[in-house]
Amino acid sequence: LVNYLEKEQVVEDLQLANELADFTI
């Protein structure tokens, strides 16, 4: 339900974001 600052999940999300996008916010 809520996105938390949990390192494992955040790192996984950022890896995907870097694959999909040119710039990450």
PDB file of all heavy atoms in Angstrom:
ATOM      1  N   LEU A   1       0.806  -1.219   0.000  1.00  0.00           N
ATOM      2  CA  LEU A   1       0.000   0.000   0.000  1.00  0.00           C
ATOM      3  C   LEU A   1       0.844   1.277   0.000  1.00  0.00           C
ATOM      4  O   LEU A   1       0.506   2.255  -0.673  1.00  0.00           O
ATOM      5  CB  LEU A   1      -0.945  -0.001   1.200  1.00  0.00           C
ATOM      6  CG  LEU A   1      -1.898   1.185   1.341  1.00  0.00           C
ATOM      7  CD1 LEU A   1      -2.752   1.378   0.097  1.00  0.00           C
ATOM      8  CD2 LEU A   1      -2.793   1.006   2.575  1.00  0.00           C
ATOM      9  N   VAL A   2       1.956   1.291   0.749  1.00  0.00           N
ATOM     10  CA  VAL A   2       2.787   2.499   0.874  1.00  0.00           C
ATOM     11  C   VAL A   2       4.224   2.173   0.472  1.00  0.00           C
ATOM     12  O   VAL A   2       4.750   1.111   0.799  1.00  0.00           O
ATOM     13  CB  VAL A   2       2.775   3.031   2.321  1.00  0.00           C
ATOM     14  CG1 VAL A   2       3.651   4.283   2.448  1.00  0.00           C
ATOM     15  CG2 VAL A   2       1.346   3.349   2.769  1.00  0.00           C
ATOM     16  N   ASN A   3       4.866   3.102  -0.224  1.00  0.00           N
ATOM     17  CA  ASN A   3       6.285   2.958  -0.587  1.00  0.00           C
ATOM     18  C   ASN A   3       7.158   3.463   0.557  1.00  0.00           C
ATOM     19  O   ASN A   3       7.127   4.659   0.882  1.00  0.00           O
ATOM     20  CB  ASN A   3       6.613   3.760  -1.848  1.00  0.00           C
ATOM     21  CG  ASN A   3       5.979   3.198  -3.094  1.00  0.00           C
ATOM     22  OD1 ASN A   3       5.442   2.093  -3.105  1.00  0.00           O
ATOM     23  ND2 ASN A   3       6.018   3.979  -4.168  1.00  0.00           N
ATOM     24  N   TYR A   4       7.930   2.551   1.145  1.00  0.00           N
ATOM     25  CA  TYR A   4       8.803   2.913   2.259  1.00  0.00           C
ATOM     26  C   TYR A   4      10.264   2.993   1.811  1.00  0.00           C
ATOM     27  O   TYR A   4      10.670   2.338   0.848  1.00  0.00           O
ATOM     28  CB  TYR A   4       8.688   1.882   3.385  1.00  0.00           C
ATOM     29  CG  TYR A   4       7.351   1.859   4.076  1.00  0.00           C
ATOM     30  CD1 TYR A   4       6.407   0.872   3.779  1.00  0.00           C
ATOM     31  CD2 TYR A   4       7.023   2.821   5.033  1.00  0.00           C
ATOM     32  CE1 TYR A   4       5.179   0.840   4.416  1.00  0.00           C
ATOM     33  CE2 TYR A   4       5.790   2.801   5.674  1.00  0.00           C
ATOM     34  CZ  TYR A   4       4.866   1.810   5.354  1.00  0.00           C
ATOM     35  OH  TYR A   4       3.642   1.781   5.979  1.00  0.00           O
ATOM     36  N   LEU A   5      11.043   3.761   2.567  1.00  0.00           N
ATOM     37  CA  LEU A   5      12.480   3.824   2.345  1.00  0.00           C
ATOM     38  C   LEU A   5      13.133   2.569   2.935  1.00  0.00           C
ATOM     39  O   LEU A   5      13.723   2.587   4.020  1.00  0.00           O
ATOM     40  CB  LEU A   5      13.065   5.090   2.980  1.00  0.00           C
ATOM     41  CG  LEU A   5      12.881   6.395   2.197  1.00  0.00           C
ATOM     42  CD1 LEU A   5      13.239   7.599   3.059  1.00  0.00           C
ATOM     43  CD2 LEU A   5      13.690   6.393   0.899  1.00  0.00           C
ATOM     44  N   GLU A   6      13.007   1.481   2.201  1.00  0.00           N
ATOM     45  CA  GLU A   6      13.633   0.218   2.557  1.00  0.00           C
ATOM     46  C   GLU A   6      14.711  -0.059   1.518  1.00  0.00           C
ATOM     47  O   GLU A   6      14.423  -0.150   0.315  1.00  0.00           O
ATOM     48  CB  GLU A   6      12.600  -0.900   2.591  1.00  0.00           C
ATOM     49  CG  GLU A   6      11.543  -0.679   3.668  1.00  0.00           C
ATOM     50  CD  GLU A   6      10.403  -1.690   3.614  1.00  0.00           C
ATOM     51  OE1 GLU A   6      10.269  -2.376   2.558  1.00  0.00           O
ATOM     52  OE2 GLU A   6       9.648  -1.782   4.596  1.00  0.00           O
ATOM     53  N   LYS A   7      15.950  -0.172   1.965  1.00  0.00           N
ATOM     54  CA  LYS A   7      17.095  -0.159   1.057  1.00  0.00           C
ATOM     55  C   LYS A   7      16.981  -1.174  -0.073  1.00  0.00           C
ATOM     56  O   LYS A   7      17.188  -0.833  -1.251  1.00  0.00           O
ATOM     57  CB  LYS A   7      18.390  -0.376   1.828  1.00  0.00           C
ATOM     58  CG  LYS A   7      19.628  -0.273   0.929  1.00  0.00           C
ATOM     59  CD  LYS A   7      20.924  -0.402   1.714  1.00  0.00           C
ATOM     60  CE  LYS A   7      22.119  -0.333   0.766  1.00  0.00           C
ATOM     61  NZ  LYS A   7      23.408  -0.448   1.499  1.00  0.00           N
ATOM     62  N   GLU A   8      16.676  -2.413   0.244  1.00  0.00           N
ATOM     63  CA  GLU A   8      16.646  -3.443  -0.790  1.00  0.00           C
ATOM     64  C   GLU A   8      15.646  -3.099  -1.889  1.00  0.00           C
ATOM     65  O   GLU A   8      15.953  -3.222  -3.086  1.00  0.00           O
ATOM     66  CB  GLU A   8      16.308  -4.795  -0.164  1.00  0.00           C
ATOM     67  CG  GLU A   8      16.345  -5.950  -1.150  1.00  0.00           C
ATOM     68  CD  GLU A   8      16.069  -7.290  -0.491  1.00  0.00           C
ATOM     69  OE1 GLU A   8      16.056  -7.375   0.750  1.00  0.00           O
ATOM     70  OE2 GLU A   8      15.845  -8.276  -1.244  1.00  0.00           O
ATOM     71  N   GLN A   9      14.449  -2.667  -1.484  1.00  0.00           N
ATOM     72  CA  GLN A   9      13.426  -2.325  -2.470  1.00  0.00           C
ATOM     73  C   GLN A   9      13.814  -1.084  -3.265  1.00  0.00           C
ATOM     74  O   GLN A   9      13.636  -1.028  -4.491  1.00  0.00           O
ATOM     75  CB  GLN A   9      12.083  -2.096  -1.767  1.00  0.00           C
ATOM     76  CG  GLN A   9      10.933  -1.786  -2.709  1.00  0.00           C
ATOM     77  CD  GLN A   9      10.633  -2.945  -3.648  1.00  0.00           C
ATOM     78  OE1 GLN A   9      10.367  -4.058  -3.194  1.00  0.00           O
ATOM     79  NE2 GLN A   9      10.677  -2.693  -4.956  1.00  0.00           N
ATOM     80  N   VAL A  10      14.355  -0.097  -2.574  1.00  0.00           N
ATOM     81  CA  VAL A  10      14.733   1.151  -3.250  1.00  0.00           C
ATOM     82  C   VAL A  10      15.824   0.893  -4.284  1.00  0.00           C
ATOM     83  O   VAL A  10      15.748   1.377  -5.429  1.00  0.00           O
ATOM     84  CB  VAL A  10      15.193   2.205  -2.225  1.00  0.00           C
ATOM     85  CG1 VAL A  10      15.816   3.416  -2.934  1.00  0.00           C
ATOM     86  CG2 VAL A  10      14.016   2.657  -1.358  1.00  0.00           C
ATOM     87  N   VAL A  11      16.844   0.132  -3.923  1.00  0.00           N
ATOM     88  CA  VAL A  11      17.939  -0.159  -4.861  1.00  0.00           C
ATOM     89  C   VAL A  11      17.413  -0.916  -6.078  1.00  0.00           C
ATOM     90  O   VAL A  11      17.798  -0.630  -7.219  1.00  0.00           O
ATOM     91  CB  VAL A  11      19.061  -0.949  -4.155  1.00  0.00           C
ATOM     92  CG1 VAL A  11      20.069  -1.465  -5.176  1.00  0.00           C
ATOM     93  CG2 VAL A  11      19.748  -0.074  -3.111  1.00  0.00           C
ATOM     94  N   GLU A  12      16.520  -1.866  -5.840  1.00  0.00           N
ATOM     95  CA  GLU A  12      15.931  -2.618  -6.955  1.00  0.00           C
ATOM     96  C   GLU A  12      15.151  -1.688  -7.885  1.00  0.00           C
ATOM     97  O   GLU A  12      15.248  -1.788  -9.116  1.00  0.00           O
ATOM     98  CB  GLU A  12      15.024  -3.711  -6.405  1.00  0.00           C
ATOM     99  CG  GLU A  12      14.417  -4.613  -7.463  1.00  0.00           C
ATOM    100  CD  GLU A  12      13.529  -5.697  -6.864  1.00  0.00           C
ATOM    101  OE1 GLU A  12      13.845  -6.175  -5.758  1.00  0.00           O
ATOM    102  OE2 GLU A  12      12.515  -6.045  -7.509  1.00  0.00           O
ATOM    103  N   ASP A  13      14.377  -0.775  -7.283  1.00  0.00           N
ATOM    104  CA  ASP A  13      13.606   0.186  -8.085  1.00  0.00           C
ATOM    105  C   ASP A  13      14.528   1.091  -8.898  1.00  0.00           C
ATOM    106  O   ASP A  13      14.255   1.396 -10.079  1.00  0.00           O
ATOM    107  CB  ASP A  13      12.731   1.047  -7.178  1.00  0.00           C
ATOM    108  CG  ASP A  13      11.586   0.282  -6.541  1.00  0.00           C
ATOM    109  OD1 ASP A  13      11.279  -0.837  -7.007  1.00  0.00           O
ATOM    110  OD2 ASP A  13      11.005   0.807  -5.562  1.00  0.00           O
ATOM    111  N   LEU A  14      15.618   1.530  -8.289  1.00  0.00           N
ATOM    112  CA  LEU A  14      16.529   2.448  -8.976  1.00  0.00           C
ATOM    113  C   LEU A  14      17.240   1.765 -10.138  1.00  0.00           C
ATOM    114  O   LEU A  14      17.485   2.393 -11.175  1.00  0.00           O
ATOM    115  CB  LEU A  14      17.543   3.019  -7.984  1.00  0.00           C
ATOM    116  CG  LEU A  14      16.965   3.969  -6.926  1.00  0.00           C
ATOM    117  CD1 LEU A  14      18.049   4.417  -5.960  1.00  0.00           C
ATOM    118  CD2 LEU A  14      16.287   5.170  -7.569  1.00  0.00           C
ATOM    119  N   GLN A  15      17.558   0.509  -9.970  1.00  0.00           N
ATOM    120  CA  GLN A  15      18.178  -0.224 -11.082  1.00  0.00           C
ATOM    121  C   GLN A  15      17.234  -0.292 -12.273  1.00  0.00           C
ATOM    122  O   GLN A  15      17.648  -0.092 -13.423  1.00  0.00           O
ATOM    123  CB  GLN A  15      18.567  -1.629 -10.605  1.00  0.00           C
ATOM    124  CG  GLN A  15      19.736  -1.652  -9.634  1.00  0.00           C
ATOM    125  CD  GLN A  15      20.008  -3.036  -9.060  1.00  0.00           C
ATOM    126  OE1 GLN A  15      19.190  -3.954  -9.200  1.00  0.00           O
ATOM    127  NE2 GLN A  15      21.160  -3.198  -8.417  1.00  0.00           N
ATOM    128  N   LEU A  16      15.961  -0.553 -12.003  1.00  0.00           N
ATOM    129  CA  LEU A  16      14.973  -0.592 -13.078  1.00  0.00           C
ATOM    130  C   LEU A  16      14.777   0.800 -13.691  1.00  0.00           C
ATOM    131  O   LEU A  16      14.683   0.944 -14.916  1.00  0.00           O
ATOM    132  CB  LEU A  16      13.642  -1.133 -12.553  1.00  0.00           C
ATOM    133  CG  LEU A  16      12.491  -1.231 -13.565  1.00  0.00           C
ATOM    134  CD1 LEU A  16      12.888  -2.103 -14.756  1.00  0.00           C
ATOM    135  CD2 LEU A  16      11.230  -1.773 -12.886  1.00  0.00           C
ATOM    136  N   ALA A  17      14.747   1.796 -12.831  1.00  0.00           N
ATOM    137  CA  ALA A  17      14.573   3.173 -13.328  1.00  0.00           C
ATOM    138  C   ALA A  17      15.712   3.559 -14.267  1.00  0.00           C
ATOM    139  O   ALA A  17      15.492   4.191 -15.309  1.00  0.00           O
ATOM    140  CB  ALA A  17      14.507   4.144 -12.150  1.00  0.00           C
ATOM    141  N   ASN A  18      16.922   3.175 -13.928  1.00  0.00           N
ATOM    142  CA  ASN A  18      18.076   3.498 -14.777  1.00  0.00           C
ATOM    143  C   ASN A  18      18.008   2.795 -16.127  1.00  0.00           C
ATOM    144  O   ASN A  18      18.515   3.319 -17.129  1.00  0.00           O
ATOM    145  CB  ASN A  18      19.370   3.120 -14.054  1.00  0.00           C
ATOM    146  CG  ASN A  18      19.654   4.009 -12.855  1.00  0.00           C
ATOM    147  OD1 ASN A  18      19.216   5.162 -12.819  1.00  0.00           O
ATOM    148  ND2 ASN A  18      20.374   3.483 -11.872  1.00  0.00           N
ATOM    149  N   GLU A  19      17.377   1.638 -16.162  1.00  0.00           N
ATOM    150  CA  GLU A  19      17.210   0.924 -17.428  1.00  0.00           C
ATOM    151  C   GLU A  19      16.146   1.578 -18.309  1.00  0.00           C
ATOM    152  O   GLU A  19      16.267   1.602 -19.531  1.00  0.00           O
ATOM    153  CB  GLU A  19      16.817  -0.533 -17.156  1.00  0.00           C
ATOM    154  CG  GLU A  19      17.908  -1.364 -16.483  1.00  0.00           C
ATOM    155  CD  GLU A  19      17.407  -2.758 -16.107  1.00  0.00           C
ATOM    156  OE1 GLU A  19      16.272  -3.109 -16.537  1.00  0.00           O
ATOM    157  OE2 GLU A  19      18.124  -3.473 -15.393  1.00  0.00           O
ATOM    158  N   LEU A  20      15.118   2.121 -17.662  1.00  0.00           N
ATOM    159  CA  LEU A  20      13.969   2.648 -18.401  1.00  0.00           C
ATOM    160  C   LEU A  20      14.098   4.120 -18.779  1.00  0.00           C
ATOM    161  O   LEU A  20      13.453   4.571 -19.731  1.00  0.00           O
ATOM    162  CB  LEU A  20      12.696   2.452 -17.574  1.00  0.00           C
ATOM    163  CG  LEU A  20      12.298   1.014 -17.235  1.00  0.00           C
ATOM    164  CD1 LEU A  20      11.084   1.014 -16.309  1.00  0.00           C
ATOM    165  CD2 LEU A  20      12.001   0.221 -18.501  1.00  0.00           C
ATOM    166  N   ALA A  21      14.893   4.862 -18.025  1.00  0.00           N
ATOM    167  CA  ALA A  21      14.896   6.319 -18.185  1.00  0.00           C
ATOM    168  C   ALA A  21      16.312   6.856 -18.375  1.00  0.00           C
ATOM    169  O   ALA A  21      17.306   6.173 -18.137  1.00  0.00           O
ATOM    170  CB  ALA A  21      14.245   6.968 -16.967  1.00  0.00           C
ATOM    171  N   ASP A  22      16.367   8.131 -18.806  1.00  0.00           N
ATOM    172  CA  ASP A  22      17.636   8.833 -18.992  1.00  0.00           C
ATOM    173  C   ASP A  22      18.046   9.608 -17.745  1.00  0.00           C
ATOM    174  O   ASP A  22      19.202  10.031 -17.624  1.00  0.00           O
ATOM    175  CB  ASP A  22      17.518   9.835 -20.145  1.00  0.00           C
ATOM    176  CG  ASP A  22      17.040   9.187 -21.431  1.00  0.00           C
ATOM    177  OD1 ASP A  22      17.728   8.272 -21.908  1.00  0.00           O
ATOM    178  OD2 ASP A  22      15.983   9.589 -21.944  1.00  0.00           O
ATOM    179  N   PHE A  23      17.087   9.823 -16.842  1.00  0.00           N
ATOM    180  CA  PHE A  23      17.309  10.718 -15.698  1.00  0.00           C
ATOM    181  C   PHE A  23      16.380  10.257 -14.588  1.00  0.00           C
ATOM    182  O   PHE A  23      15.204   9.966 -14.832  1.00  0.00           O
ATOM    183  CB  PHE A  23      16.979  12.154 -16.123  1.00  0.00           C
ATOM    184  CG  PHE A  23      17.345  13.221 -15.146  1.00  0.00           C
ATOM    185  CD1 PHE A  23      18.538  13.917 -15.273  1.00  0.00           C
ATOM    186  CD2 PHE A  23      16.491  13.564 -14.106  1.00  0.00           C
ATOM    187  CE1 PHE A  23      18.870  14.936 -14.384  1.00  0.00           C
ATOM    188  CE2 PHE A  23      16.807  14.575 -13.210  1.00  0.00           C
ATOM    189  CZ  PHE A  23      18.002  15.259 -13.348  1.00  0.00           C
ATOM    190  N   THR A  24      16.886  10.200 -13.347  1.00  0.00           N
ATOM    191  CA  THR A  24      16.082   9.682 -12.231  1.00  0.00           C
ATOM    192  C   THR A  24      15.917  10.726 -11.137  1.00  0.00           C
ATOM    193  O   THR A  24      16.900  11.316 -10.671  1.00  0.00           O
ATOM    194  CB  THR A  24      16.726   8.409 -11.647  1.00  0.00           C
ATOM    195  OG1 THR A  24      16.793   7.411 -12.673  1.00  0.00           O
ATOM    196  CG2 THR A  24      15.905   7.872 -10.486  1.00  0.00           C
ATOM    197  N   ILE A  25      14.670  10.927 -10.730  1.00  0.00           N
ATOM    198  CA  ILE A  25      14.316  11.844  -9.644  1.00  0.00           C
ATOM    199  C   ILE A  25      13.733  11.022  -8.495  1.00  0.00           C
ATOM    200  O   ILE A  25      12.832  10.204  -8.714  1.00  0.00           O
ATOM    201  CB  ILE A  25      13.280  12.877 -10.100  1.00  0.00           C
ATOM    202  CG1 ILE A  25      13.801  13.681 -11.294  1.00  0.00           C
ATOM    203  CG2 ILE A  25      12.891  13.808  -8.951  1.00  0.00           C
ATOM    204  CD1 ILE A  25      12.751  14.588 -11.935  1.00  0.00           C
TER     205      ILE A  25
END
